[in-house]
Amino acid sequence: VHCSKQKLRLRVYIQIQFGSEMNDFMDAENLFGQQSLELTSRGSTIIAELQRLSKHIPEPFQEKNSFEKQKYMNLIYDFTYFKQVENLENLLKSNMDLRDLDEEMRENYVDVLERFYNLFLSIVNYIDDYNKILSDLRGNQYI
Protein backbone atom coordinates (compact mmCIF):
# COMPACT_ATOMS: atom_id res chain seq x y z
CA VAL A 1 0.00 0.00 0.00
CA HIS A 2 2.82 2.41 0.93
CA CYS A 3 4.56 1.73 -2.37
CA SER A 4 1.33 2.37 -4.34
CA LYS A 5 0.85 5.73 -2.62
CA GLN A 6 4.41 6.68 -3.52
CA LYS A 7 3.84 5.66 -7.14
CA LEU A 8 0.70 7.79 -7.29
CA ARG A 9 2.51 10.79 -5.76
CA LEU A 10 5.35 10.34 -8.22
CA ARG A 11 2.93 10.15 -11.15
CA VAL A 12 1.18 13.34 -10.06
CA TYR A 13 4.51 15.11 -9.53
CA ILE A 14 5.81 14.07 -12.95
CA GLN A 15 2.61 15.13 -14.68
CA ILE A 16 2.68 18.52 -12.97
CA GLN A 17 6.37 19.06 -13.75
CA PHE A 18 6.48 17.71 -17.27
CA GLY A 19 2.91 17.86 -18.50
CA SER A 20 1.43 15.72 -21.22
CA GLU A 21 4.73 14.58 -22.77
CA MET A 22 5.13 12.27 -19.78
CA ASN A 23 1.84 10.48 -20.51
CA ASP A 24 3.59 8.01 -22.83
CA PHE A 25 6.26 7.35 -20.20
CA MET A 26 3.65 6.69 -17.54
CA ASP A 27 1.31 4.65 -19.72
CA ALA A 28 0.50 1.23 -18.25
CA GLU A 29 1.70 -0.36 -21.49
CA ASN A 30 5.13 1.30 -21.23
CA LEU A 31 7.22 -1.38 -19.51
CA PHE A 32 10.27 0.85 -19.12
CA GLY A 33 8.17 3.65 -17.60
CA GLN A 34 6.49 1.30 -15.16
CA GLN A 35 9.75 -0.34 -14.12
CA SER A 36 11.40 3.06 -13.71
CA LEU A 37 8.56 4.31 -11.53
CA GLU A 38 8.69 1.16 -9.42
CA LEU A 39 12.46 1.42 -9.02
CA THR A 40 12.18 5.09 -8.07
CA SER A 41 9.51 4.29 -5.52
CA ARG A 42 11.61 1.48 -4.02
CA GLY A 43 14.61 3.80 -3.86
CA SER A 44 12.57 6.34 -1.91
CA THR A 45 11.40 3.62 0.45
CA ILE A 46 14.99 2.48 1.03
CA ILE A 47 16.12 6.04 1.79
CA ALA A 48 13.22 6.53 4.22
CA GLU A 49 14.03 3.30 6.07
CA LEU A 50 17.71 4.23 6.15
CA GLN A 51 16.83 7.55 7.77
CA ARG A 52 14.53 5.87 10.30
CA LEU A 53 17.07 3.20 11.23
CA SER A 54 19.91 5.70 11.53
CA LYS A 55 18.16 6.94 14.67
CA HIS A 56 17.93 3.44 16.16
CA ILE A 57 21.40 1.96 15.89
CA PRO A 58 21.84 -0.34 18.90
CA GLU A 59 24.39 0.98 21.37
CA PRO A 60 26.81 -1.95 21.02
CA PHE A 61 27.17 -1.13 17.31
CA GLN A 62 27.88 2.55 17.75
CA GLU A 63 31.39 3.96 17.69
CA LYS A 64 31.24 5.51 21.13
CA ASN A 65 32.77 3.49 23.90
CA SER A 66 30.04 2.35 26.25
CA PHE A 67 29.29 -0.38 28.74
CA GLU A 68 27.01 -2.10 26.20
CA LYS A 69 29.71 -2.06 23.55
CA GLN A 70 32.29 -3.48 25.94
CA LYS A 71 29.83 -6.12 27.10
CA TYR A 72 29.21 -7.48 23.59
CA MET A 73 32.60 -6.79 22.00
CA ASN A 74 33.43 -10.51 21.79
CA LEU A 75 30.32 -11.07 19.66
CA ILE A 76 30.54 -8.17 17.21
CA TYR A 77 32.94 -8.60 14.32
CA ASP A 78 33.91 -6.71 11.22
CA PHE A 79 34.66 -8.35 7.87
CA THR A 80 37.59 -10.24 9.38
CA TYR A 81 34.89 -12.62 10.66
CA PHE A 82 34.73 -14.20 7.20
CA LYS A 83 38.40 -15.14 7.39
CA GLN A 84 37.93 -17.03 10.65
CA VAL A 85 34.31 -18.24 10.69
CA GLU A 86 35.10 -21.74 11.87
CA ASN A 87 37.33 -20.60 14.76
CA LEU A 88 34.82 -18.05 15.99
CA GLU A 89 31.92 -20.49 15.74
CA ASN A 90 33.91 -23.08 17.68
CA LEU A 91 34.70 -20.47 20.33
CA LEU A 92 31.01 -19.70 20.67
CA LYS A 93 30.13 -23.39 20.97
CA SER A 94 32.79 -24.07 23.57
CA ASN A 95 32.18 -21.05 25.82
CA MET A 96 28.92 -21.17 27.79
CA ASP A 97 29.22 -17.56 28.97
CA LEU A 98 29.68 -16.38 25.42
CA ARG A 99 26.65 -18.41 24.27
CA ASP A 100 24.53 -16.90 27.05
CA LEU A 101 25.70 -13.44 26.08
CA ASP A 102 24.92 -14.20 22.43
CA GLU A 103 21.39 -15.24 23.38
CA GLU A 104 20.96 -12.12 25.51
CA MET A 105 22.11 -9.93 22.65
CA ARG A 106 19.73 -11.69 20.29
CA GLU A 107 16.82 -11.13 22.65
CA ASN A 108 17.69 -7.46 23.15
CA TYR A 109 18.38 -6.47 19.55
CA VAL A 110 16.83 -9.00 17.18
CA ASP A 111 14.02 -6.70 15.99
CA VAL A 112 16.23 -3.80 14.95
CA LEU A 113 18.91 -6.11 13.56
CA GLU A 114 16.29 -7.83 11.38
CA ARG A 115 15.22 -4.42 10.09
CA PHE A 116 18.83 -3.63 9.18
CA TYR A 117 19.19 -7.01 7.51
CA ASN A 118 16.01 -6.46 5.47
CA LEU A 119 17.21 -2.96 4.53
CA PHE A 120 20.54 -4.30 3.26
CA LEU A 121 18.74 -7.08 1.39
CA SER A 122 16.43 -4.53 -0.25
CA ILE A 123 19.48 -2.50 -1.31
CA VAL A 124 21.03 -5.58 -2.92
CA ASN A 125 17.75 -6.36 -4.71
CA TYR A 126 17.44 -2.73 -5.82
CA ILE A 127 20.94 -2.79 -7.33
CA ASP A 128 20.19 -6.07 -9.12
CA ASP A 129 16.97 -4.66 -10.57
CA TYR A 130 18.69 -1.40 -11.52
CA ASN A 131 21.41 -3.34 -13.35
CA LYS A 132 18.74 -5.44 -15.09
CA ILE A 133 16.98 -2.31 -16.36
CA LEU A 134 20.32 -0.94 -17.61
CA SER A 135 21.10 -4.23 -19.31
CA ASP A 136 17.66 -4.28 -20.92
CA LEU A 137 18.16 -0.71 -22.12
CA ARG A 138 21.50 -1.61 -23.69
CA GLY A 139 19.87 -4.61 -25.32
CA ASN A 140 17.06 -2.48 -26.76
CA GLN A 141 14.43 -4.45 -24.82
CA TYR A 142 12.18 -1.41 -24.47
CA ILE A 143 12.07 -0.43 -28.13
C-alpha atoms as a PDB file:
ATOM      1  CA  VAL A   1       0.000   0.000   0.000  1.00  0.00           C
ATOM      2  CA  HIS A   2       2.817   2.413   0.934  1.00  0.00           C
ATOM      3  CA  CYS A   3       4.565   1.735  -2.373  1.00  0.00           C
ATOM      4  CA  SER A   4       1.329   2.369  -4.336  1.00  0.00           C
ATOM      5  CA  LYS A   5       0.846   5.727  -2.618  1.00  0.00           C
ATOM      6  CA  GLN A   6       4.411   6.685  -3.518  1.00  0.00           C
ATOM      7  CA  LYS A   7       3.840   5.662  -7.136  1.00  0.00           C
ATOM      8  CA  LEU A   8       0.698   7.791  -7.289  1.00  0.00           C
ATOM      9  CA  ARG A   9       2.507  10.787  -5.756  1.00  0.00           C
ATOM     10  CA  LEU A  10       5.352  10.343  -8.219  1.00  0.00           C
ATOM     11  CA  ARG A  11       2.931  10.149 -11.147  1.00  0.00           C
ATOM     12  CA  VAL A  12       1.176  13.337 -10.057  1.00  0.00           C
ATOM     13  CA  TYR A  13       4.508  15.106  -9.529  1.00  0.00           C
ATOM     14  CA  ILE A  14       5.813  14.067 -12.948  1.00  0.00           C
ATOM     15  CA  GLN A  15       2.615  15.126 -14.676  1.00  0.00           C
ATOM     16  CA  ILE A  16       2.683  18.523 -12.967  1.00  0.00           C
ATOM     17  CA  GLN A  17       6.374  19.059 -13.745  1.00  0.00           C
ATOM     18  CA  PHE A  18       6.478  17.707 -17.267  1.00  0.00           C
ATOM     19  CA  GLY A  19       2.908  17.861 -18.498  1.00  0.00           C
ATOM     20  CA  SER A  20       1.432  15.720 -21.222  1.00  0.00           C
ATOM     21  CA  GLU A  21       4.732  14.584 -22.774  1.00  0.00           C
ATOM     22  CA  MET A  22       5.128  12.273 -19.782  1.00  0.00           C
ATOM     23  CA  ASN A  23       1.839  10.478 -20.513  1.00  0.00           C
ATOM     24  CA  ASP A  24       3.587   8.014 -22.828  1.00  0.00           C
ATOM     25  CA  PHE A  25       6.255   7.346 -20.203  1.00  0.00           C
ATOM     26  CA  MET A  26       3.649   6.695 -17.535  1.00  0.00           C
ATOM     27  CA  ASP A  27       1.307   4.652 -19.723  1.00  0.00           C
ATOM     28  CA  ALA A  28       0.499   1.232 -18.245  1.00  0.00           C
ATOM     29  CA  GLU A  29       1.703  -0.361 -21.495  1.00  0.00           C
ATOM     30  CA  ASN A  30       5.135   1.303 -21.229  1.00  0.00           C
ATOM     31  CA  LEU A  31       7.219  -1.383 -19.512  1.00  0.00           C
ATOM     32  CA  PHE A  32      10.270   0.851 -19.117  1.00  0.00           C
ATOM     33  CA  GLY A  33       8.175   3.647 -17.600  1.00  0.00           C
ATOM     34  CA  GLN A  34       6.487   1.295 -15.164  1.00  0.00           C
ATOM     35  CA  GLN A  35       9.750  -0.344 -14.120  1.00  0.00           C
ATOM     36  CA  SER A  36      11.404   3.057 -13.714  1.00  0.00           C
ATOM     37  CA  LEU A  37       8.558   4.305 -11.534  1.00  0.00           C
ATOM     38  CA  GLU A  38       8.687   1.164  -9.421  1.00  0.00           C
ATOM     39  CA  LEU A  39      12.459   1.420  -9.022  1.00  0.00           C
ATOM     40  CA  THR A  40      12.177   5.090  -8.071  1.00  0.00           C
ATOM     41  CA  SER A  41       9.514   4.288  -5.518  1.00  0.00           C
ATOM     42  CA  ARG A  42      11.610   1.482  -4.019  1.00  0.00           C
ATOM     43  CA  GLY A  43      14.614   3.802  -3.862  1.00  0.00           C
ATOM     44  CA  SER A  44      12.573   6.342  -1.909  1.00  0.00           C
ATOM     45  CA  THR A  45      11.403   3.616   0.450  1.00  0.00           C
ATOM     46  CA  ILE A  46      14.987   2.475   1.028  1.00  0.00           C
ATOM     47  CA  ILE A  47      16.116   6.037   1.789  1.00  0.00           C
ATOM     48  CA  ALA A  48      13.222   6.532   4.216  1.00  0.00           C
ATOM     49  CA  GLU A  49      14.026   3.303   6.066  1.00  0.00           C
ATOM     50  CA  LEU A  50      17.713   4.227   6.152  1.00  0.00           C
ATOM     51  CA  GLN A  51      16.830   7.548   7.767  1.00  0.00           C
ATOM     52  CA  ARG A  52      14.529   5.866  10.297  1.00  0.00           C
ATOM     53  CA  LEU A  53      17.067   3.196  11.228  1.00  0.00           C
ATOM     54  CA  SER A  54      19.906   5.700  11.526  1.00  0.00           C
ATOM     55  CA  LYS A  55      18.161   6.938  14.668  1.00  0.00           C
ATOM     56  CA  HIS A  56      17.926   3.439  16.157  1.00  0.00           C
ATOM     57  CA  ILE A  57      21.402   1.956  15.889  1.00  0.00           C
ATOM     58  CA  PRO A  58      21.836  -0.336  18.895  1.00  0.00           C
ATOM     59  CA  GLU A  59      24.391   0.982  21.368  1.00  0.00           C
ATOM     60  CA  PRO A  60      26.810  -1.949  21.021  1.00  0.00           C
ATOM     61  CA  PHE A  61      27.168  -1.131  17.309  1.00  0.00           C
ATOM     62  CA  GLN A  62      27.884   2.551  17.748  1.00  0.00           C
ATOM     63  CA  GLU A  63      31.387   3.963  17.694  1.00  0.00           C
ATOM     64  CA  LYS A  64      31.243   5.505  21.135  1.00  0.00           C
ATOM     65  CA  ASN A  65      32.774   3.485  23.900  1.00  0.00           C
ATOM     66  CA  SER A  66      30.036   2.347  26.251  1.00  0.00           C
ATOM     67  CA  PHE A  67      29.288  -0.382  28.741  1.00  0.00           C
ATOM     68  CA  GLU A  68      27.012  -2.104  26.202  1.00  0.00           C
ATOM     69  CA  LYS A  69      29.709  -2.059  23.545  1.00  0.00           C
ATOM     70  CA  GLN A  70      32.295  -3.481  25.941  1.00  0.00           C
ATOM     71  CA  LYS A  71      29.833  -6.121  27.105  1.00  0.00           C
ATOM     72  CA  TYR A  72      29.211  -7.485  23.591  1.00  0.00           C
ATOM     73  CA  MET A  73      32.597  -6.793  21.996  1.00  0.00           C
ATOM     74  CA  ASN A  74      33.426 -10.507  21.793  1.00  0.00           C
ATOM     75  CA  LEU A  75      30.321 -11.069  19.657  1.00  0.00           C
ATOM     76  CA  ILE A  76      30.539  -8.169  17.208  1.00  0.00           C
ATOM     77  CA  TYR A  77      32.941  -8.597  14.315  1.00  0.00           C
ATOM     78  CA  ASP A  78      33.913  -6.712  11.222  1.00  0.00           C
ATOM     79  CA  PHE A  79      34.660  -8.354   7.868  1.00  0.00           C
ATOM     80  CA  THR A  80      37.586 -10.243   9.378  1.00  0.00           C
ATOM     81  CA  TYR A  81      34.894 -12.616  10.658  1.00  0.00           C
ATOM     82  CA  PHE A  82      34.731 -14.197   7.204  1.00  0.00           C
ATOM     83  CA  LYS A  83      38.404 -15.140   7.393  1.00  0.00           C
ATOM     84  CA  GLN A  84      37.926 -17.030  10.648  1.00  0.00           C
ATOM     85  CA  VAL A  85      34.314 -18.245  10.688  1.00  0.00           C
ATOM     86  CA  GLU A  86      35.096 -21.737  11.874  1.00  0.00           C
ATOM     87  CA  ASN A  87      37.329 -20.598  14.755  1.00  0.00           C
ATOM     88  CA  LEU A  88      34.820 -18.045  15.988  1.00  0.00           C
ATOM     89  CA  GLU A  89      31.916 -20.492  15.739  1.00  0.00           C
ATOM     90  CA  ASN A  90      33.910 -23.078  17.682  1.00  0.00           C
ATOM     91  CA  LEU A  91      34.703 -20.471  20.329  1.00  0.00           C
ATOM     92  CA  LEU A  92      31.013 -19.698  20.672  1.00  0.00           C
ATOM     93  CA  LYS A  93      30.135 -23.392  20.968  1.00  0.00           C
ATOM     94  CA  SER A  94      32.787 -24.074  23.572  1.00  0.00           C
ATOM     95  CA  ASN A  95      32.180 -21.055  25.816  1.00  0.00           C
ATOM     96  CA  MET A  96      28.917 -21.172  27.786  1.00  0.00           C
ATOM     97  CA  ASP A  97      29.216 -17.565  28.973  1.00  0.00           C
ATOM     98  CA  LEU A  98      29.678 -16.383  25.425  1.00  0.00           C
ATOM     99  CA  ARG A  99      26.655 -18.407  24.274  1.00  0.00           C
ATOM    100  CA  ASP A 100      24.533 -16.899  27.049  1.00  0.00           C
ATOM    101  CA  LEU A 101      25.700 -13.445  26.079  1.00  0.00           C
ATOM    102  CA  ASP A 102      24.924 -14.205  22.430  1.00  0.00           C
ATOM    103  CA  GLU A 103      21.391 -15.239  23.376  1.00  0.00           C
ATOM    104  CA  GLU A 104      20.959 -12.118  25.515  1.00  0.00           C
ATOM    105  CA  MET A 105      22.113  -9.935  22.655  1.00  0.00           C
ATOM    106  CA  ARG A 106      19.734 -11.687  20.287  1.00  0.00           C
ATOM    107  CA  GLU A 107      16.819 -11.131  22.653  1.00  0.00           C
ATOM    108  CA  ASN A 108      17.695  -7.462  23.151  1.00  0.00           C
ATOM    109  CA  TYR A 109      18.380  -6.470  19.551  1.00  0.00           C
ATOM    110  CA  VAL A 110      16.826  -9.000  17.182  1.00  0.00           C
ATOM    111  CA  ASP A 111      14.017  -6.696  15.986  1.00  0.00           C
ATOM    112  CA  VAL A 112      16.230  -3.800  14.951  1.00  0.00           C
ATOM    113  CA  LEU A 113      18.910  -6.112  13.556  1.00  0.00           C
ATOM    114  CA  GLU A 114      16.293  -7.828  11.380  1.00  0.00           C
ATOM    115  CA  ARG A 115      15.218  -4.416  10.091  1.00  0.00           C
ATOM    116  CA  PHE A 116      18.834  -3.626   9.180  1.00  0.00           C
ATOM    117  CA  TYR A 117      19.190  -7.006   7.505  1.00  0.00           C
ATOM    118  CA  ASN A 118      16.012  -6.457   5.473  1.00  0.00           C
ATOM    119  CA  LEU A 119      17.214  -2.964   4.534  1.00  0.00           C
ATOM    120  CA  PHE A 120      20.543  -4.296   3.260  1.00  0.00           C
ATOM    121  CA  LEU A 121      18.739  -7.077   1.393  1.00  0.00           C
ATOM    122  CA  SER A 122      16.429  -4.531  -0.255  1.00  0.00           C
ATOM    123  CA  ILE A 123      19.477  -2.497  -1.312  1.00  0.00           C
ATOM    124  CA  VAL A 124      21.031  -5.583  -2.918  1.00  0.00           C
ATOM    125  CA  ASN A 125      17.755  -6.359  -4.713  1.00  0.00           C
ATOM    126  CA  TYR A 126      17.441  -2.730  -5.816  1.00  0.00           C
ATOM    127  CA  ILE A 127      20.937  -2.786  -7.330  1.00  0.00           C
ATOM    128  CA  ASP A 128      20.190  -6.071  -9.117  1.00  0.00           C
ATOM    129  CA  ASP A 129      16.965  -4.656 -10.568  1.00  0.00           C
ATOM    130  CA  TYR A 130      18.686  -1.402 -11.524  1.00  0.00           C
ATOM    131  CA  ASN A 131      21.410  -3.337 -13.349  1.00  0.00           C
ATOM    132  CA  LYS A 132      18.745  -5.441 -15.089  1.00  0.00           C
ATOM    133  CA  ILE A 133      16.983  -2.312 -16.364  1.00  0.00           C
ATOM    134  CA  LEU A 134      20.319  -0.936 -17.611  1.00  0.00           C
ATOM    135  CA  SER A 135      21.102  -4.227 -19.315  1.00  0.00           C
ATOM    136  CA  ASP A 136      17.656  -4.280 -20.924  1.00  0.00           C
ATOM    137  CA  LEU A 137      18.157  -0.711 -22.117  1.00  0.00           C
ATOM    138  CA  ARG A 138      21.498  -1.609 -23.688  1.00  0.00           C
ATOM    139  CA  GLY A 139      19.870  -4.613 -25.323  1.00  0.00           C
ATOM    140  CA  ASN A 140      17.059  -2.476 -26.759  1.00  0.00           C
ATOM    141  CA  GLN A 141      14.433  -4.448 -24.824  1.00  0.00           C
ATOM    142  CA  TYR A 142      12.185  -1.410 -24.465  1.00  0.00           C
ATOM    143  CA  ILE A 143      12.075  -0.431 -28.128  1.00  0.00           C
END
